[in-house]
């Protein structure tokens, strides 16, 4: 149980992942500031997966946030963190 709490505590937050995405807007071809909307949507998605008790999607979303945090803007633009299960479009 303690290990699970430690692992969860190490996950990148929605706010941090969205801040990184916002800083990469030029490389990602996104215009405008969308950091708050991104964080709100991410948090809603996280809560939905928790309500569904879908640990597979919870883990996938956490991995995606960590991936965003761990990679450069150029790598993100190349799709290194794309997960078709989370974002089929």
C-alpha atoms as a PDB file:
ATOM      1  CA  UNK A   1       0.000   0.000   0.000  1.00  0.00           C
ATOM      2  CA  UNK A   2       2.775   2.449   0.901  1.00  0.00           C
ATOM      3  CA  UNK A   3       4.545   1.722  -2.387  1.00  0.00           C
ATOM      4  CA  UNK A   4       1.351   2.526  -4.300  1.00  0.00           C
ATOM      5  CA  UNK A   5       1.066   5.849  -2.487  1.00  0.00           C
ATOM      6  CA  UNK A   6       4.679   6.685  -3.252  1.00  0.00           C
ATOM      7  CA  UNK A   7       4.206   5.839  -6.933  1.00  0.00           C
ATOM      8  CA  UNK A   8       1.062   7.952  -7.178  1.00  0.00           C
ATOM      9  CA  UNK A   9       2.830  10.843  -5.466  1.00  0.00           C
ATOM     10  CA  UNK A  10       5.508  10.734  -8.171  1.00  0.00           C
ATOM     11  CA  UNK A  11       3.052  11.119 -11.043  1.00  0.00           C
ATOM     12  CA  UNK A  12       3.046  14.382 -12.920  1.00  0.00           C
ATOM     13  CA  UNK A  13      -0.036  16.476 -12.147  1.00  0.00           C
ATOM     14  CA  UNK A  14      -2.446  17.689 -14.807  1.00  0.00           C
ATOM     15  CA  UNK A  15      -1.351  21.239 -14.082  1.00  0.00           C
ATOM     16  CA  UNK A  16       2.326  20.439 -14.592  1.00  0.00           C
ATOM     17  CA  UNK A  17       1.726  18.460 -17.785  1.00  0.00           C
ATOM     18  CA  UNK A  18      -0.442  21.243 -19.195  1.00  0.00           C
ATOM     19  CA  UNK A  19       2.114  23.881 -18.283  1.00  0.00           C
ATOM     20  CA  UNK A  20       4.675  21.882 -20.278  1.00  0.00           C
ATOM     21  CA  UNK A  21       2.288  21.517 -23.226  1.00  0.00           C
ATOM     22  CA  UNK A  22       1.612  25.243 -23.145  1.00  0.00           C
ATOM     23  CA  UNK A  23       5.342  25.948 -23.228  1.00  0.00           C
ATOM     24  CA  UNK A  24       5.533  23.722 -26.328  1.00  0.00           C
ATOM     25  CA  UNK A  25       2.660  25.426 -28.166  1.00  0.00           C
ATOM     26  CA  UNK A  26       4.833  26.603 -31.076  1.00  0.00           C
ATOM     27  CA  UNK A  27       6.298  23.135 -31.703  1.00  0.00           C
ATOM     28  CA  UNK A  28       2.868  21.523 -31.365  1.00  0.00           C
ATOM     29  CA  UNK A  29       1.240  23.991 -33.746  1.00  0.00           C
ATOM     30  CA  UNK A  30      -1.207  25.265 -31.132  1.00  0.00           C
ATOM     31  CA  UNK A  31      -2.156  28.909 -30.915  1.00  0.00           C
ATOM     32  CA  UNK A  32      -3.277  30.785 -27.822  1.00  0.00           C
ATOM     33  CA  UNK A  33      -3.059  29.972 -24.146  1.00  0.00           C
ATOM     34  CA  UNK A  34      -4.977  26.914 -23.120  1.00  0.00           C
ATOM     35  CA  UNK A  35      -3.182  25.854 -19.948  1.00  0.00           C
ATOM     36  CA  UNK A  36      -6.208  26.293 -17.641  1.00  0.00           C
ATOM     37  CA  UNK A  37      -8.587  24.535 -20.044  1.00  0.00           C
ATOM     38  CA  UNK A  38      -6.079  21.724 -20.506  1.00  0.00           C
ATOM     39  CA  UNK A  39      -5.687  21.237 -16.743  1.00  0.00           C
ATOM     40  CA  UNK A  40      -9.453  21.315 -16.202  1.00  0.00           C
ATOM     41  CA  UNK A  41     -10.084  18.765 -18.951  1.00  0.00           C
ATOM     42  CA  UNK A  42      -7.281  16.528 -17.709  1.00  0.00           C
ATOM     43  CA  UNK A  43      -8.618  16.636 -14.153  1.00  0.00           C
ATOM     44  CA  UNK A  44     -12.142  15.832 -15.373  1.00  0.00           C
ATOM     45  CA  UNK A  45     -10.798  12.908 -17.379  1.00  0.00           C
ATOM     46  CA  UNK A  46      -8.895  11.661 -14.323  1.00  0.00           C
ATOM     47  CA  UNK A  47     -12.024  11.896 -12.133  1.00  0.00           C
ATOM     48  CA  UNK A  48     -14.112  10.079 -14.746  1.00  0.00           C
ATOM     49  CA  UNK A  49     -11.674   7.162 -14.817  1.00  0.00           C
ATOM     50  CA  UNK A  50     -11.728   7.095 -11.006  1.00  0.00           C
ATOM     51  CA  UNK A  51     -15.554   7.084 -11.011  1.00  0.00           C
ATOM     52  CA  UNK A  52     -15.486   4.200 -13.480  1.00  0.00           C
ATOM     53  CA  UNK A  53     -12.905   2.485 -11.258  1.00  0.00           C
ATOM     54  CA  UNK A  54     -10.908   1.871 -14.436  1.00  0.00           C
ATOM     55  CA  UNK A  55      -7.366   1.450 -13.189  1.00  0.00           C
ATOM     56  CA  UNK A  56      -6.069   0.702 -16.684  1.00  0.00           C
ATOM     57  CA  UNK A  57      -7.184   4.106 -17.987  1.00  0.00           C
ATOM     58  CA  UNK A  58      -6.046   5.814 -14.762  1.00  0.00           C
ATOM     59  CA  UNK A  59      -2.589   4.330 -15.223  1.00  0.00           C
ATOM     60  CA  UNK A  60      -2.514   5.226 -18.925  1.00  0.00           C
ATOM     61  CA  UNK A  61      -3.412   8.850 -18.158  1.00  0.00           C
ATOM     62  CA  UNK A  62      -0.733   9.028 -15.442  1.00  0.00           C
ATOM     63  CA  UNK A  63       1.816   7.565 -17.866  1.00  0.00           C
ATOM     64  CA  UNK A  64       0.822  10.122 -20.504  1.00  0.00           C
ATOM     65  CA  UNK A  65       1.276  13.009 -18.047  1.00  0.00           C
ATOM     66  CA  UNK A  66       4.664  11.630 -16.978  1.00  0.00           C
ATOM     67  CA  UNK A  67       5.656  11.195 -20.616  1.00  0.00           C
ATOM     68  CA  UNK A  68       4.828  14.826 -21.394  1.00  0.00           C
ATOM     69  CA  UNK A  69       6.921  15.924 -18.442  1.00  0.00           C
ATOM     70  CA  UNK A  70       9.876  13.731 -19.424  1.00  0.00           C
ATOM     71  CA  UNK A  71      10.217  14.653 -23.111  1.00  0.00           C
ATOM     72  CA  UNK A  72      11.262  17.668 -25.128  1.00  0.00           C
ATOM     73  CA  UNK A  73       8.862  19.801 -27.120  1.00  0.00           C
ATOM     74  CA  UNK A  74      10.270  18.395 -30.363  1.00  0.00           C
ATOM     75  CA  UNK A  75       9.726  14.830 -29.152  1.00  0.00           C
ATOM     76  CA  UNK A  76       6.156  15.704 -28.142  1.00  0.00           C
ATOM     77  CA  UNK A  77       5.546  17.191 -31.593  1.00  0.00           C
ATOM     78  CA  UNK A  78       6.753  13.899 -33.101  1.00  0.00           C
ATOM     79  CA  UNK A  79       4.061  12.073 -31.098  1.00  0.00           C
ATOM     80  CA  UNK A  80       6.256  10.295 -28.543  1.00  0.00           C
ATOM     81  CA  UNK A  81       3.467  10.408 -25.930  1.00  0.00           C
ATOM     82  CA  UNK A  82       0.493   9.748 -28.189  1.00  0.00           C
ATOM     83  CA  UNK A  83      -1.796   7.018 -26.839  1.00  0.00           C
ATOM     84  CA  UNK A  84      -4.638   6.063 -29.172  1.00  0.00           C
ATOM     85  CA  UNK A  85      -6.586   4.571 -26.272  1.00  0.00           C
ATOM     86  CA  UNK A  86      -6.710   7.978 -24.547  1.00  0.00           C
ATOM     87  CA  UNK A  87      -6.868  10.118 -27.706  1.00  0.00           C
ATOM     88  CA  UNK A  88      -8.257   8.120 -30.649  1.00  0.00           C
ATOM     89  CA  UNK A  89      -8.385  11.221 -32.865  1.00  0.00           C
END
